[in-house]
Each structure stands twice: as structure tokens, then as C-alpha cells.
Amino acid sequence: MNYNTNQSIFMQIADQICDRVLSGEYQSDNRIPSVRELAVEMEVNPNTVMRSFEKLQDKEIIYNKRGIGYFISPAAKDKIREMRHNHFIDEVLPSVFKEMILLDVSMQELTNAYNNYLSTSNQLKS
């Protein structure tokens, strides 16, 4: 796996697990790979994966059944969507708006680009 240098590896692994939940690869109440299995897959130290699991457990995305493994929480999808939505609104959009102001990009241009993206992505799904 290629890691981004702007974010800690354990956070990127946690994001990857969240992506798998949102995509349906990891289902609610199903077991996920063990710390060791994921460490081999991601080519990282098991302690790094363990930090990811601890973060996800703190956010109630996964839970541990002692002696059995880690499982996806029933409300994981909703929690992930809410967290990412809030991050987008609170952190990503202000940067986009700042860049729009600096580059004199109008809301109409943004709307057109968004609509163009939607029509292109819909064509890809067909």
C-alpha cells in the first residue's frame, strides 16, 4: 500500500477500514481481519494496525469480542458518514472557499463543474 506522507499511517489504515465499511466489503456485525492479518496485508507493523483499531474502537466503528476478534459495529456506516460529513463541512469546504476567492471562481462555475461531474460519473455507472 502507498501511504500519504501528510497523514500518519495508522490514520490512513483507519480510513481504509472505514472505506471498506462504506463500500460494503465489511458488513455490520461481521468479523474483520485480525491485527496480524491486516498488518501483513498493509505491510506495516502490527502495533500500527493496533493503533488504528483502538481509534476505531474509541469512535465505536468496531468492537472487540475478547478471544474472537474485532467486528464492525451495527451503526458503523452512519457514524463514518457523519464523521466524514462533518470533516468535509468544517475543514475541506473552508479551504475550497478560500481557494475560490483567491482564484476568483464563482459559485456558478462551481455549480457547473459539480453538475458536469455528476453527469460524467452517472455515465460511468451505466
C-alpha atoms as a PDB file:
ATOM      1  CA  MET A   1       0.000   0.000   0.000  1.00  0.00           C
ATOM      2  CA  ASN A   2       1.246   3.503  -0.793  1.00  0.00           C
ATOM      3  CA  TYR A   3       0.954   5.850   2.139  1.00  0.00           C
ATOM      4  CA  ASN A   4       0.472   9.608   2.108  1.00  0.00           C
ATOM      5  CA  THR A   5       3.217  11.465   3.957  1.00  0.00           C
ATOM      6  CA  ASN A   6       0.778  14.165   5.121  1.00  0.00           C
ATOM      7  CA  GLN A   7      -1.116  11.848   7.471  1.00  0.00           C
ATOM      8  CA  SER A   8       0.012   9.226   9.988  1.00  0.00           C
ATOM      9  CA  ILE A   9      -0.066   5.636   8.737  1.00  0.00           C
ATOM     10  CA  PHE A  10      -2.393   4.429  11.488  1.00  0.00           C
ATOM     11  CA  MET A  11      -4.927   7.115  10.490  1.00  0.00           C
ATOM     12  CA  GLN A  12      -4.676   6.063   6.842  1.00  0.00           C
ATOM     13  CA  ILE A  13      -5.306   2.438   7.834  1.00  0.00           C
ATOM     14  CA  ALA A  14      -8.328   3.518   9.901  1.00  0.00           C
ATOM     15  CA  ASP A  15      -9.607   5.445   6.858  1.00  0.00           C
ATOM     16  CA  GLN A  16      -9.066   2.365   4.670  1.00  0.00           C
ATOM     17  CA  ILE A  17     -11.143   0.265   7.066  1.00  0.00           C
ATOM     18  CA  CYS A  18     -13.866   2.945   7.007  1.00  0.00           C
ATOM     19  CA  ASP A  19     -13.771   2.915   3.196  1.00  0.00           C
ATOM     20  CA  ARG A  20     -14.305  -0.846   3.284  1.00  0.00           C
ATOM     21  CA  VAL A  21     -17.301  -0.403   5.582  1.00  0.00           C
ATOM     22  CA  LEU A  22     -18.835   2.241   3.315  1.00  0.00           C
ATOM     23  CA  SER A  23     -18.235   0.123   0.205  1.00  0.00           C
ATOM     24  CA  GLY A  24     -19.937  -2.870   1.841  1.00  0.00           C
ATOM     25  CA  GLU A  25     -16.805  -5.016   1.893  1.00  0.00           C
ATOM     26  CA  TYR A  26     -17.027  -5.068   5.704  1.00  0.00           C
ATOM     27  CA  GLN A  27     -20.590  -5.646   6.900  1.00  0.00           C
ATOM     28  CA  SER A  28     -22.218  -4.783  10.214  1.00  0.00           C
ATOM     29  CA  ASP A  29     -21.501  -7.327  12.991  1.00  0.00           C
ATOM     30  CA  ASN A  30     -19.055  -9.246  10.747  1.00  0.00           C
ATOM     31  CA  ARG A  31     -15.516 -10.023  11.823  1.00  0.00           C
ATOM     32  CA  ILE A  32     -12.706  -8.062  10.193  1.00  0.00           C
ATOM     33  CA  PRO A  33      -9.159  -9.337   9.628  1.00  0.00           C
ATOM     34  CA  SER A  34      -7.038  -9.675  12.747  1.00  0.00           C
ATOM     35  CA  VAL A  35      -4.333  -7.174  13.646  1.00  0.00           C
ATOM     36  CA  ARG A  36      -1.679  -9.536  12.283  1.00  0.00           C
ATOM     37  CA  GLU A  37      -3.600 -10.327   9.094  1.00  0.00           C
ATOM     38  CA  LEU A  38      -4.149  -6.653   8.361  1.00  0.00           C
ATOM     39  CA  ALA A  39      -0.529  -5.814   9.212  1.00  0.00           C
ATOM     40  CA  VAL A  40       0.649  -8.336   6.606  1.00  0.00           C
ATOM     41  CA  GLU A  41      -1.859  -7.055   4.035  1.00  0.00           C
ATOM     42  CA  MET A  42      -0.948  -3.408   4.659  1.00  0.00           C
ATOM     43  CA  GLU A  43       2.782  -4.152   5.028  1.00  0.00           C
ATOM     44  CA  VAL A  44       3.069  -2.386   8.392  1.00  0.00           C
ATOM     45  CA  ASN A  45       3.971  -3.225  11.965  1.00  0.00           C
ATOM     46  CA  PRO A  46       1.117  -4.878  13.939  1.00  0.00           C
ATOM     47  CA  ASN A  47       1.393  -2.082  16.530  1.00  0.00           C
ATOM     48  CA  THR A  48       0.417   0.420  13.819  1.00  0.00           C
ATOM     49  CA  VAL A  49      -2.700  -1.593  12.981  1.00  0.00           C
ATOM     50  CA  MET A  50      -3.477  -1.906  16.684  1.00  0.00           C
ATOM     51  CA  ARG A  51      -3.431   1.908  16.993  1.00  0.00           C
ATOM     52  CA  SER A  52      -5.909   2.068  14.096  1.00  0.00           C
ATOM     53  CA  PHE A  53      -8.169  -0.467  15.790  1.00  0.00           C
ATOM     54  CA  GLU A  54      -8.002   1.460  19.080  1.00  0.00           C
ATOM     55  CA  LYS A  55      -9.010   4.673  17.288  1.00  0.00           C
ATOM     56  CA  LEU A  56     -11.892   2.938  15.508  1.00  0.00           C
ATOM     57  CA  GLN A  57     -12.994   1.299  18.743  1.00  0.00           C
ATOM     58  CA  ASP A  58     -12.958   4.688  20.513  1.00  0.00           C
ATOM     59  CA  LYS A  59     -15.209   6.063  17.751  1.00  0.00           C
ATOM     60  CA  GLU A  60     -17.482   2.988  18.049  1.00  0.00           C
ATOM     61  CA  ILE A  61     -16.829   1.896  14.459  1.00  0.00           C
ATOM     62  CA  ILE A  62     -15.566  -1.526  15.564  1.00  0.00           C
ATOM     63  CA  TYR A  63     -15.870  -3.562  18.739  1.00  0.00           C
ATOM     64  CA  ASN A  64     -13.839  -6.384  20.236  1.00  0.00           C
ATOM     65  CA  LYS A  65     -15.148  -9.803  21.225  1.00  0.00           C
ATOM     66  CA  ARG A  66     -12.410 -10.965  23.541  1.00  0.00           C
ATOM     67  CA  GLY A  67     -10.667 -14.036  22.172  1.00  0.00           C
ATOM     68  CA  ILE A  68     -12.598 -13.923  18.880  1.00  0.00           C
ATOM     69  CA  GLY A  69     -11.569 -10.686  17.176  1.00  0.00           C
ATOM     70  CA  TYR A  70     -12.819  -7.325  16.025  1.00  0.00           C
ATOM     71  CA  PHE A  71     -16.220  -6.762  14.450  1.00  0.00           C
ATOM     72  CA  ILE A  72     -17.963  -3.917  12.643  1.00  0.00           C
ATOM     73  CA  SER A  73     -20.422  -2.050  14.878  1.00  0.00           C
ATOM     74  CA  PRO A  74     -24.075  -2.026  13.778  1.00  0.00           C
ATOM     75  CA  ALA A  75     -24.097   1.787  13.407  1.00  0.00           C
ATOM     76  CA  ALA A  76     -20.623   1.995  11.830  1.00  0.00           C
ATOM     77  CA  LYS A  77     -21.775   3.184   8.390  1.00  0.00           C
ATOM     78  CA  ASP A  78     -23.847   6.005   9.849  1.00  0.00           C
ATOM     79  CA  LYS A  79     -21.070   7.070  12.224  1.00  0.00           C
ATOM     80  CA  ILE A  80     -18.484   7.094   9.425  1.00  0.00           C
ATOM     81  CA  ARG A  81     -20.734   9.123   7.135  1.00  0.00           C
ATOM     82  CA  GLU A  82     -21.451  11.619   9.919  1.00  0.00           C
ATOM     83  CA  MET A  83     -17.752  11.971  10.801  1.00  0.00           C
ATOM     84  CA  ARG A  84     -16.738  12.441   7.168  1.00  0.00           C
ATOM     85  CA  HIS A  85     -19.618  14.826   6.505  1.00  0.00           C
ATOM     86  CA  ASN A  86     -18.592  16.985   9.469  1.00  0.00           C
ATOM     87  CA  HIS A  87     -14.934  16.888   8.393  1.00  0.00           C
ATOM     88  CA  PHE A  88     -15.908  17.952   4.871  1.00  0.00           C
ATOM     89  CA  ILE A  89     -18.108  20.827   6.067  1.00  0.00           C
ATOM     90  CA  ASP A  90     -15.760  22.043   8.819  1.00  0.00           C
ATOM     91  CA  GLU A  91     -12.342  21.505   7.230  1.00  0.00           C
ATOM     92  CA  VAL A  92     -12.464  20.830   3.492  1.00  0.00           C
ATOM     93  CA  LEU A  93     -15.031  23.393   2.351  1.00  0.00           C
ATOM     94  CA  PRO A  94     -13.355  26.388   4.043  1.00  0.00           C
ATOM     95  CA  SER A  95     -10.163  25.563   2.100  1.00  0.00           C
ATOM     96  CA  VAL A  96     -12.150  25.246  -1.122  1.00  0.00           C
ATOM     97  CA  PHE A  97     -13.894  28.557  -0.491  1.00  0.00           C
ATOM     98  CA  LYS A  98     -10.591  30.280   0.282  1.00  0.00           C
ATOM     99  CA  GLU A  99      -9.112  28.970  -2.963  1.00  0.00           C
ATOM    100  CA  MET A 100     -12.225  30.051  -4.873  1.00  0.00           C
ATOM    101  CA  ILE A 101     -11.844  33.586  -3.545  1.00  0.00           C
ATOM    102  CA  LEU A 102      -8.124  33.706  -4.365  1.00  0.00           C
ATOM    103  CA  LEU A 103      -8.735  32.437  -7.899  1.00  0.00           C
ATOM    104  CA  ASP A 104     -11.942  34.392  -8.436  1.00  0.00           C
ATOM    105  CA  VAL A 105     -14.006  31.244  -9.080  1.00  0.00           C
ATOM    106  CA  SER A 106     -17.713  31.988  -8.946  1.00  0.00           C
ATOM    107  CA  MET A 107     -20.398  29.832  -7.373  1.00  0.00           C
ATOM    108  CA  GLN A 108     -21.861  29.439 -10.862  1.00  0.00           C
ATOM    109  CA  GLU A 109     -18.560  27.953 -12.095  1.00  0.00           C
ATOM    110  CA  LEU A 110     -18.511  25.626  -9.101  1.00  0.00           C
ATOM    111  CA  THR A 111     -22.112  24.586  -9.734  1.00  0.00           C
ATOM    112  CA  ASN A 112     -21.372  23.946 -13.412  1.00  0.00           C
ATOM    113  CA  ALA A 113     -18.297  21.879 -12.545  1.00  0.00           C
ATOM    114  CA  TYR A 114     -20.308  19.912  -9.989  1.00  0.00           C
ATOM    115  CA  ASN A 115     -23.142  19.238 -12.445  1.00  0.00           C
ATOM    116  CA  ASN A 116     -20.612  18.219 -15.097  1.00  0.00           C
ATOM    117  CA  TYR A 117     -19.002  15.839 -12.602  1.00  0.00           C
ATOM    118  CA  LEU A 118     -22.389  14.324 -11.742  1.00  0.00           C
ATOM    119  CA  SER A 119     -23.289  13.736 -15.383  1.00  0.00           C
ATOM    120  CA  THR A 120     -19.869  12.204 -16.083  1.00  0.00           C
ATOM    121  CA  SER A 121     -19.970   9.968 -13.009  1.00  0.00           C
ATOM    122  CA  ASN A 122     -23.524   8.846 -13.878  1.00  0.00           C
ATOM    123  CA  GLN A 123     -22.298   7.853 -17.336  1.00  0.00           C
ATOM    124  CA  LEU A 124     -19.534   5.794 -15.719  1.00  0.00           C
ATOM    125  CA  LYS A 125     -22.106   3.908 -13.613  1.00  0.00           C
ATOM    126  CA  SER A 126     -24.222   3.000 -16.651  1.00  0.00           C
END
